[in-house]
C-alpha atoms as a PDB file:
ATOM      1  CA  MET A   1      38.604  73.414  -5.614  1.00  0.00           C
ATOM      2  CA  ASN A   2      41.531  71.108  -6.458  1.00  0.00           C
ATOM      3  CA  ASN A   3      42.541  73.478  -9.243  1.00  0.00           C
ATOM      4  CA  LEU A   4      43.877  75.850  -6.574  1.00  0.00           C
ATOM      5  CA  THR A   5      47.618  76.391  -6.345  1.00  0.00           C
ATOM      6  CA  ILE A   6      48.809  75.887  -2.781  1.00  0.00           C
ATOM      7  CA  GLY A   7      52.084  77.439  -1.719  1.00  0.00           C
ATOM      8  CA  PHE A   8      53.630  75.741   1.320  1.00  0.00           C
ATOM      9  CA  ILE A   9      56.303  77.309   3.544  1.00  0.00           C
ATOM     10  CA  GLY A  10      58.176  75.088   6.001  1.00  0.00           C
ATOM     11  CA  LEU A  11      59.136  71.483   5.260  1.00  0.00           C
ATOM     12  CA  GLY A  12      60.207  70.250   8.689  1.00  0.00           C
ATOM     13  CA  LEU A  13      58.982  67.267  10.701  1.00  0.00           C
ATOM     14  CA  MET A  14      55.332  68.271  10.323  1.00  0.00           C
ATOM     15  CA  GLY A  15      55.389  70.463   7.238  1.00  0.00           C
ATOM     16  CA  ASN A  16      56.954  67.785   5.027  1.00  0.00           C
ATOM     17  CA  PRO A  17      54.119  65.218   5.351  1.00  0.00           C
ATOM     18  CA  MET A  18      51.457  67.938   5.408  1.00  0.00           C
ATOM     19  CA  ALA A  19      52.677  69.315   2.086  1.00  0.00           C
ATOM     20  CA  LYS A  20      52.740  65.794   0.659  1.00  0.00           C
ATOM     21  CA  SER A  21      49.122  65.300   1.733  1.00  0.00           C
ATOM     22  CA  ILE A  22      48.149  68.409  -0.212  1.00  0.00           C
ATOM     23  CA  LYS A  23      49.864  67.076  -3.321  1.00  0.00           C
ATOM     24  CA  LYS A  24      48.248  63.654  -2.830  1.00  0.00           C
ATOM     25  CA  ALA A  25      44.813  65.325  -2.694  1.00  0.00           C
ATOM     26  CA  GLY A  26      45.361  66.649  -6.203  1.00  0.00           C
ATOM     27  CA  PHE A  27      46.140  70.289  -5.539  1.00  0.00           C
ATOM     28  CA  HIS A  28      48.884  72.003  -7.500  1.00  0.00           C
ATOM     29  CA  LEU A  29      51.663  72.414  -4.932  1.00  0.00           C
ATOM     30  CA  ILE A  30      54.663  74.721  -4.835  1.00  0.00           C
ATOM     31  CA  VAL A  31      57.039  74.959  -1.873  1.00  0.00           C
ATOM     32  CA  TYR A  32      59.585  77.158  -0.138  1.00  0.00           C
ATOM     33  CA  ASN A  33      61.894  76.356   2.759  1.00  0.00           C
ATOM     34  CA  ARG A  34      64.414  78.594   4.458  1.00  0.00           C
ATOM     35  CA  LYS A  35      66.936  75.723   4.374  1.00  0.00           C
ATOM     36  CA  PRO A  36      67.023  74.695   0.694  1.00  0.00           C
ATOM     37  CA  GLU A  37      68.243  71.147   1.388  1.00  0.00           C
ATOM     38  CA  LYS A  38      64.777  70.237   2.640  1.00  0.00           C
ATOM     39  CA  THR A  39      63.309  70.968  -0.777  1.00  0.00           C
ATOM     40  CA  LYS A  40      65.333  68.298  -2.619  1.00  0.00           C
ATOM     41  CA  GLU A  41      62.791  65.571  -1.939  1.00  0.00           C
ATOM     42  CA  PHE A  42      60.030  67.733  -3.382  1.00  0.00           C
ATOM     43  CA  LEU A  43      62.019  68.516  -6.499  1.00  0.00           C
ATOM     44  CA  GLN A  44      62.343  64.753  -7.011  1.00  0.00           C
ATOM     45  CA  LEU A  45      58.554  64.500  -6.712  1.00  0.00           C
ATOM     46  CA  GLY A  46      58.141  67.117  -9.444  1.00  0.00           C
ATOM     47  CA  VAL A  47      57.024  69.879  -7.083  1.00  0.00           C
ATOM     48  CA  PRO A  48      58.177  73.373  -8.077  1.00  0.00           C
ATOM     49  CA  VAL A  49      60.458  75.086  -5.560  1.00  0.00           C
ATOM     50  CA  VAL A  50      60.665  78.876  -5.303  1.00  0.00           C
ATOM     51  CA  ASN A  51      63.334  81.136  -3.825  1.00  0.00           C
ATOM     52  CA  SER A  52      61.294  83.329  -1.473  1.00  0.00           C
ATOM     53  CA  PRO A  53      57.916  83.663   0.264  1.00  0.00           C
ATOM     54  CA  LYS A  54      57.247  86.635  -2.008  1.00  0.00           C
ATOM     55  CA  GLU A  55      57.655  84.502  -5.128  1.00  0.00           C
ATOM     56  CA  LEU A  56      55.509  81.797  -3.546  1.00  0.00           C
ATOM     57  CA  ALA A  57      52.673  84.275  -2.916  1.00  0.00           C
ATOM     58  CA  GLU A  58      52.868  85.593  -6.471  1.00  0.00           C
ATOM     59  CA  LYS A  59      52.165  82.079  -7.795  1.00  0.00           C
ATOM     60  CA  SER A  60      49.637  80.851  -5.227  1.00  0.00           C
ATOM     61  CA  ASP A  61      45.924  81.022  -4.467  1.00  0.00           C
ATOM     62  CA  VAL A  62      46.476  79.842  -0.901  1.00  0.00           C
ATOM     63  CA  VAL A  63      49.695  80.164   1.133  1.00  0.00           C
ATOM     64  CA  ILE A  64      50.295  77.898   4.135  1.00  0.00           C
ATOM     65  CA  SER A  65      53.091  78.428   6.653  1.00  0.00           C
ATOM     66  CA  MET A  66      54.302  75.731   9.044  1.00  0.00           C
ATOM     67  CA  VAL A  67      57.380  77.129  10.750  1.00  0.00           C
ATOM     68  CA  THR A  68      58.618  77.410  14.339  1.00  0.00           C
ATOM     69  CA  GLY A  69      57.336  80.425  16.252  1.00  0.00           C
ATOM     70  CA  PRO A  70      55.951  83.973  16.134  1.00  0.00           C
ATOM     71  CA  LYS A  71      59.114  85.665  14.847  1.00  0.00           C
ATOM     72  CA  ASP A  72      59.494  83.052  12.100  1.00  0.00           C
ATOM     73  CA  VAL A  73      55.931  83.534  10.875  1.00  0.00           C
ATOM     74  CA  GLU A  74      56.253  87.319  10.992  1.00  0.00           C
ATOM     75  CA  ALA A  75      59.440  87.062   8.933  1.00  0.00           C
ATOM     76  CA  VAL A  76      58.027  84.877   6.157  1.00  0.00           C
ATOM     77  CA  MET A  77      54.838  86.947   6.052  1.00  0.00           C
ATOM     78  CA  LEU A  78      55.934  90.541   6.568  1.00  0.00           C
ATOM     79  CA  ASP A  79      59.651  90.901   5.674  1.00  0.00           C
ATOM     80  CA  GLU A  80      60.826  92.634   2.501  1.00  0.00           C
ATOM     81  CA  ASP A  81      60.843  89.308   0.662  1.00  0.00           C
ATOM     82  CA  GLY A  82      57.769  88.011   2.488  1.00  0.00           C
ATOM     83  CA  VAL A  83      54.327  86.850   1.453  1.00  0.00           C
ATOM     84  CA  LEU A  84      52.814  90.318   1.828  1.00  0.00           C
ATOM     85  CA  LYS A  85      55.096  91.730  -0.879  1.00  0.00           C
ATOM     86  CA  GLY A  86      53.946  89.142  -3.415  1.00  0.00           C
ATOM     87  CA  ALA A  87      50.299  88.821  -2.426  1.00  0.00           C
ATOM     88  CA  LYS A  88      47.608  89.309  -5.009  1.00  0.00           C
ATOM     89  CA  LYS A  89      43.911  90.035  -4.598  1.00  0.00           C
ATOM     90  CA  GLY A  90      41.996  87.030  -3.302  1.00  0.00           C
ATOM     91  CA  LEU A  91      44.995  85.328  -1.690  1.00  0.00           C
ATOM     92  CA  VAL A  92      44.206  83.352   1.477  1.00  0.00           C
ATOM     93  CA  VAL A  93      46.998  82.938   4.028  1.00  0.00           C
ATOM     94  CA  ILE A  94      46.859  80.083   6.538  1.00  0.00           C
ATOM     95  CA  ASP A  95      49.363  79.807   9.344  1.00  0.00           C
ATOM     96  CA  MET A  96      49.501  76.313  10.852  1.00  0.00           C
ATOM     97  CA  SER A  97      52.420  76.979  13.210  1.00  0.00           C
ATOM     98  CA  THR A  98      51.910  77.476  16.945  1.00  0.00           C
ATOM     99  CA  ILE A  99      52.506  81.171  17.608  1.00  0.00           C
ATOM    100  CA  GLY A 100      49.881  82.220  20.176  1.00  0.00           C
ATOM    101  CA  PRO A 101      46.842  84.487  19.751  1.00  0.00           C
ATOM    102  CA  GLU A 102      48.714  87.802  20.003  1.00  0.00           C
ATOM    103  CA  ALA A 103      51.026  87.090  17.079  1.00  0.00           C
ATOM    104  CA  ALA A 104      48.186  85.643  14.989  1.00  0.00           C
ATOM    105  CA  ILE A 105      46.060  88.759  15.484  1.00  0.00           C
ATOM    106  CA  LYS A 106      48.990  91.070  14.732  1.00  0.00           C
ATOM    107  CA  ILE A 107      49.815  89.267  11.471  1.00  0.00           C
ATOM    108  CA  ALA A 108      46.137  89.046  10.490  1.00  0.00           C
ATOM    109  CA  ASN A 109      45.740  92.799  10.959  1.00  0.00           C
ATOM    110  CA  GLU A 110      48.787  93.586   8.812  1.00  0.00           C
ATOM    111  CA  LEU A 111      47.543  91.320   6.028  1.00  0.00           C
ATOM    112  CA  ASP A 112      43.994  92.653   6.313  1.00  0.00           C
ATOM    113  CA  LYS A 113      45.245  96.193   5.645  1.00  0.00           C
ATOM    114  CA  ASN A 114      46.253  94.881   2.250  1.00  0.00           C
ATOM    115  CA  GLY A 115      43.039  92.958   1.577  1.00  0.00           C
ATOM    116  CA  ILE A 116      44.471  89.519   2.375  1.00  0.00           C
ATOM    117  CA  ASP A 117      42.419  87.005   4.362  1.00  0.00           C
ATOM    118  CA  PHE A 118      44.152  85.137   7.187  1.00  0.00           C
ATOM    119  CA  LEU A 119      43.318  81.989   9.130  1.00  0.00           C
ATOM    120  CA  ASP A 120      45.237  80.701  12.129  1.00  0.00           C
ATOM    121  CA  ALA A 121      45.093  76.913  12.054  1.00  0.00           C
ATOM    122  CA  PRO A 122      47.560  75.152  14.373  1.00  0.00           C
ATOM    123  CA  VAL A 123      47.547  71.373  14.351  1.00  0.00           C
ATOM    124  CA  THR A 124      47.931  68.481  16.745  1.00  0.00           C
ATOM    125  CA  GLY A 125      48.506  64.788  16.162  1.00  0.00           C
ATOM    126  CA  SER A 126      52.271  64.601  15.717  1.00  0.00           C
ATOM    127  CA  VAL A 127      54.195  63.231  12.724  1.00  0.00           C
ATOM    128  CA  HIS A 128      52.202  59.991  12.551  1.00  0.00           C
ATOM    129  CA  ARG A 129      48.900  61.797  11.980  1.00  0.00           C
ATOM    130  CA  ALA A 130      50.521  64.320   9.661  1.00  0.00           C
ATOM    131  CA  THR A 131      51.774  61.460   7.502  1.00  0.00           C
ATOM    132  CA  SER A 132      48.372  59.749   7.353  1.00  0.00           C
ATOM    133  CA  GLY A 133      46.498  63.024   6.759  1.00  0.00           C
ATOM    134  CA  GLU A 134      44.536  62.623  10.004  1.00  0.00           C
ATOM    135  CA  LEU A 135      45.541  65.708  11.941  1.00  0.00           C
ATOM    136  CA  THR A 136      43.322  67.658  14.300  1.00  0.00           C
ATOM    137  CA  ILE A 137      43.229  71.281  13.156  1.00  0.00           C
ATOM    138  CA  PHE A 138      41.995  74.247  15.218  1.00  0.00           C
ATOM    139  CA  ILE A 139      40.873  77.082  12.938  1.00  0.00           C
ATOM    140  CA  GLY A 140      40.357  80.761  13.730  1.00  0.00           C
ATOM    141  CA  GLY A 141      39.281  83.497  11.322  1.00  0.00           C
ATOM    142  CA  LYS A 142      36.336  84.466   9.144  1.00  0.00           C
ATOM    143  CA  GLU A 143      33.990  81.520   8.710  1.00  0.00           C
ATOM    144  CA  ARG A 144      33.328  82.313   5.056  1.00  0.00           C
ATOM    145  CA  VAL A 145      37.062  82.137   4.371  1.00  0.00           C
ATOM    146  CA  TYR A 146      37.331  78.849   6.259  1.00  0.00           C
ATOM    147  CA  ASN A 147      34.461  77.381   4.241  1.00  0.00           C
ATOM    148  CA  ARG A 148      36.082  78.549   1.023  1.00  0.00           C
ATOM    149  CA  VAL A 149      39.324  76.650   1.695  1.00  0.00           C
ATOM    150  CA  ARG A 150      37.933  73.766   3.767  1.00  0.00           C
ATOM    151  CA  PRO A 151      38.959  71.161   1.133  1.00  0.00           C
ATOM    152  CA  VAL A 152      42.582  72.231   1.696  1.00  0.00           C
ATOM    153  CA  PHE A 153      42.222  71.468   5.394  1.00  0.00           C
ATOM    154  CA  GLU A 154      40.502  68.179   4.593  1.00  0.00           C
ATOM    155  CA  ALA A 155      43.603  67.106   2.674  1.00  0.00           C
ATOM    156  CA  MET A 156      45.615  67.279   5.913  1.00  0.00           C
ATOM    157  CA  GLY A 157      43.172  66.562   8.715  1.00  0.00           C
ATOM    158  CA  THR A 158      40.105  64.563   9.661  1.00  0.00           C
ATOM    159  CA  ASN A 159      39.153  66.477  12.815  1.00  0.00           C
ATOM    160  CA  LEU A 160      38.537  70.082  11.799  1.00  0.00           C
ATOM    161  CA  GLN A 161      37.504  72.362  14.642  1.00  0.00           C
ATOM    162  CA  TYR A 162      36.354  75.865  13.665  1.00  0.00           C
ATOM    163  CA  MET A 163      36.831  77.984  16.782  1.00  0.00           C
ATOM    164  CA  GLY A 164      35.662  81.452  15.688  1.00  0.00           C
ATOM    165  CA  LYS A 165      37.625  84.678  15.325  1.00  0.00           C
ATOM    166  CA  VAL A 166      41.323  85.008  14.492  1.00  0.00           C
ATOM    167  CA  GLY A 167      43.476  83.883  17.418  1.00  0.00           C
ATOM    168  CA  ASN A 168      40.987  81.340  18.731  1.00  0.00           C
ATOM    169  CA  GLY A 169      42.667  78.484  16.884  1.00  0.00           C
ATOM    170  CA  GLN A 170      45.924  79.430  18.565  1.00  0.00           C
ATOM    171  CA  ALA A 171      44.251  79.719  21.956  1.00  0.00           C
ATOM    172  CA  VAL A 172      42.838  76.193  21.918  1.00  0.00           C
ATOM    173  CA  LYS A 173      46.167  74.825  20.644  1.00  0.00           C
ATOM    174  CA  LEU A 174      47.953  76.301  23.659  1.00  0.00           C
ATOM    175  CA  ILE A 175      45.381  74.707  25.960  1.00  0.00           C
ATOM    176  CA  ASN A 176      45.857  71.409  24.138  1.00  0.00           C
ATOM    177  CA  ASN A 177      49.640  71.476  24.444  1.00  0.00           C
ATOM    178  CA  MET A 178      49.517  72.491  28.088  1.00  0.00           C
ATOM    179  CA  ILE A 179      47.459  69.357  28.770  1.00  0.00           C
ATOM    180  CA  VAL A 180      49.689  67.197  26.548  1.00  0.00           C
ATOM    181  CA  ALA A 181      52.841  68.404  28.308  1.00  0.00           C
ATOM    182  CA  GLY A 182      51.411  67.663  31.728  1.00  0.00           C
ATOM    183  CA  SER A 183      50.087  64.252  30.679  1.00  0.00           C
ATOM    184  CA  LEU A 184      53.422  63.143  29.241  1.00  0.00           C
ATOM    185  CA  ALA A 185      55.327  64.316  32.293  1.00  0.00           C
ATOM    186  CA  ILE A 186      53.129  62.417  34.757  1.00  0.00           C
ATOM    187  CA  LEU A 187      53.068  59.329  32.514  1.00  0.00           C
ATOM    188  CA  ALA A 188      56.879  59.276  32.437  1.00  0.00           C
ATOM    189  CA  GLU A 189      57.046  59.563  36.209  1.00  0.00           C
ATOM    190  CA  GLY A 190      54.460  56.812  36.551  1.00  0.00           C
ATOM    191  CA  MET A 191      56.654  54.469  34.524  1.00  0.00           C
ATOM    192  CA  LEU A 192      59.686  55.397  36.631  1.00  0.00           C
ATOM    193  CA  LEU A 193      57.664  54.601  39.740  1.00  0.00           C
ATOM    194  CA  SER A 194      56.825  51.189  38.250  1.00  0.00           C
ATOM    195  CA  ASP A 195      60.587  50.575  37.930  1.00  0.00           C
ATOM    196  CA  THR A 196      61.098  51.655  41.525  1.00  0.00           C
ATOM    197  CA  VAL A 197      58.515  49.247  42.944  1.00  0.00           C
ATOM    198  CA  GLY A 198      59.659  46.384  40.731  1.00  0.00           C
ATOM    199  CA  LEU A 199      56.745  46.223  38.298  1.00  0.00           C
ATOM    200  CA  SER A 200      57.111  45.528  34.585  1.00  0.00           C
ATOM    201  CA  ARG A 201      56.299  48.610  32.518  1.00  0.00           C
ATOM    202  CA  GLN A 202      54.493  46.348  30.062  1.00  0.00           C
ATOM    203  CA  LYS A 203      52.299  44.942  32.838  1.00  0.00           C
ATOM    204  CA  VAL A 204      51.545  48.426  34.115  1.00  0.00           C
ATOM    205  CA  ALA A 205      50.601  49.582  30.618  1.00  0.00           C
ATOM    206  CA  GLU A 206      48.269  46.609  30.171  1.00  0.00           C
ATOM    207  CA  ALA A 207      46.704  47.169  33.587  1.00  0.00           C
ATOM    208  CA  LEU A 208      46.079  50.867  32.931  1.00  0.00           C
ATOM    209  CA  ALA A 209      44.937  50.574  29.305  1.00  0.00           C
ATOM    210  CA  GLN A 210      41.242  50.680  30.228  1.00  0.00           C
ATOM    211  CA  SER A 211      41.607  52.828  33.345  1.00  0.00           C
ATOM    212  CA  PRO A 212      39.534  56.036  33.415  1.00  0.00           C
ATOM    213  CA  ALA A 213      42.758  57.880  34.257  1.00  0.00           C
ATOM    214  CA  THR A 214      44.376  56.830  30.965  1.00  0.00           C
ATOM    215  CA  SER A 215      43.831  59.178  28.017  1.00  0.00           C
ATOM    216  CA  PRO A 216      44.114  58.234  24.321  1.00  0.00           C
ATOM    217  CA  LEU A 217      47.414  60.159  24.285  1.00  0.00           C
ATOM    218  CA  MET A 218      48.783  58.023  27.101  1.00  0.00           C
ATOM    219  CA  LYS A 219      47.678  54.836  25.352  1.00  0.00           C
ATOM    220  CA  MET A 220      49.468  56.000  22.228  1.00  0.00           C
ATOM    221  CA  LYS A 221      52.652  56.672  24.223  1.00  0.00           C
ATOM    222  CA  PHE A 222      52.641  53.434  26.278  1.00  0.00           C
ATOM    223  CA  PRO A 223      54.743  51.498  23.705  1.00  0.00           C
ATOM    224  CA  ASN A 224      57.382  54.242  23.674  1.00  0.00           C
ATOM    225  CA  MET A 225      57.554  54.277  27.461  1.00  0.00           C
ATOM    226  CA  VAL A 226      57.780  50.485  27.678  1.00  0.00           C
ATOM    227  CA  THR A 227      60.568  50.142  25.095  1.00  0.00           C
ATOM    228  CA  ASN A 228      62.379  53.452  25.759  1.00  0.00           C
ATOM    229  CA  ASP A 229      61.817  54.425  22.130  1.00  0.00           C
ATOM    230  CA  PHE A 230      61.884  58.201  22.229  1.00  0.00           C
ATOM    231  CA  THR A 231      62.226  58.992  18.532  1.00  0.00           C
ATOM    232  CA  THR A 232      61.457  62.685  18.108  1.00  0.00           C
ATOM    233  CA  ALA A 233      57.902  63.353  17.016  1.00  0.00           C
ATOM    234  CA  PHE A 234      57.691  66.795  18.647  1.00  0.00           C
ATOM    235  CA  SER A 235      60.743  68.451  20.114  1.00  0.00           C
ATOM    236  CA  MET A 236      61.199  69.545  23.737  1.00  0.00           C
ATOM    237  CA  VAL A 237      62.252  72.949  22.406  1.00  0.00           C
ATOM    238  CA  ASN A 238      58.960  73.428  20.598  1.00  0.00           C
ATOM    239  CA  MET A 239      56.916  72.177  23.544  1.00  0.00           C
ATOM    240  CA  HIS A 240      58.697  74.638  25.822  1.00  0.00           C
ATOM    241  CA  LYS A 241      58.037  77.402  23.306  1.00  0.00           C
ATOM    242  CA  ASP A 242      54.319  76.574  23.370  1.00  0.00           C
ATOM    243  CA  LEU A 243      54.233  76.488  27.166  1.00  0.00           C
ATOM    244  CA  LYS A 244      55.864  79.926  27.290  1.00  0.00           C
ATOM    245  CA  LEU A 245      53.188  81.197  24.909  1.00  0.00           C
ATOM    246  CA  ALA A 246      50.516  79.748  27.207  1.00  0.00           C
ATOM    247  CA  LEU A 247      52.165  81.426  30.204  1.00  0.00           C
ATOM    248  CA  ASN A 248      52.125  84.717  28.330  1.00  0.00           C
ATOM    249  CA  GLU A 249      48.373  84.382  27.821  1.00  0.00           C
ATOM    250  CA  SER A 250      47.854  83.354  31.458  1.00  0.00           C
ATOM    251  CA  LYS A 251      49.247  86.705  32.632  1.00  0.00           C
ATOM    252  CA  LYS A 252      46.055  88.344  31.382  1.00  0.00           C
ATOM    253  CA  SER A 253      44.027  86.360  33.921  1.00  0.00           C
ATOM    254  CA  LYS A 254      43.289  86.916  37.611  1.00  0.00           C
ATOM    255  CA  PHE A 255      44.139  83.250  38.185  1.00  0.00           C
ATOM    256  CA  VAL A 256      47.620  81.996  39.104  1.00  0.00           C
ATOM    257  CA  PHE A 257      48.043  78.792  36.990  1.00  0.00           C
ATOM    258  CA  PRO A 258      50.518  77.052  39.318  1.00  0.00           C
ATOM    259  CA  THR A 259      50.493  73.775  37.364  1.00  0.00           C
ATOM    260  CA  LEU A 260      51.252  75.513  34.079  1.00  0.00           C
ATOM    261  CA  LYS A 261      54.165  77.356  35.706  1.00  0.00           C
ATOM    262  CA  LEU A 262      55.516  74.086  37.113  1.00  0.00           C
ATOM    263  CA  ILE A 263      55.228  72.256  33.777  1.00  0.00           C
ATOM    264  CA  GLU A 264      56.955  75.135  31.951  1.00  0.00           C
ATOM    265  CA  LYS A 265      59.899  74.908  34.343  1.00  0.00           C
ATOM    266  CA  TYR A 266      60.011  71.140  33.884  1.00  0.00           C
ATOM    267  CA  TYR A 267      60.254  71.383  30.100  1.00  0.00           C
ATOM    268  CA  HIS A 268      62.717  74.273  30.310  1.00  0.00           C
ATOM    269  CA  LYS A 269      65.091  72.010  32.251  1.00  0.00           C
ATOM    270  CA  GLY A 270      64.562  69.282  29.647  1.00  0.00           C
END
């Protein structure tokens, strides 16, 4: 399996360490980024850099995209210089961005018309887990295709969750990020309340560490809240984008989702 050539599109905060994990696992890696300056580090590592998604597809057995949103993925996949134009028989395309079920299904259908298999596989775990190769990955698509490329996923993640048909990986990612957004918002307000009542944030964090109300995410974020270290691991812009995607899906339901609407407004203001 490690003799596969993996083409990676998108070398941002998450894509950079994910691509490095693929190289570390022994796969032959080639990369493309819309902003060429982000490829310099990979050139120094001896990784070939190509000039378009089309060229990447021509040289790859598996193409992975890790870009911003639905329009970005559609562009790198379906534009005149996109993956579709360079795809060969047997190519597997994996999108690991967060784009929502609708976009994933649309792209999968376009690729399927041309005999190309597609998996939607958004990730969670932030930059730290991407760097260590311990991401959680939610996978949607044909199970036989997933099993075929599972070692590629194992290079980047340790918690692989196969969710079923195309779009299901995206669906669970939106649920995940809705919960993450709400948890971080209430944790931040909790720390502000500790300031208001004159309690040390450190003491509050220690007191709540084993509380049933405290999730692993909150425990991970306690040090940042205590020290006011808010180094970007996942941008507010991207979180708001994901919440809008979740809201879009919620419109298909008979339920109202008042908390989701409130959280989306909160992150929009941020």
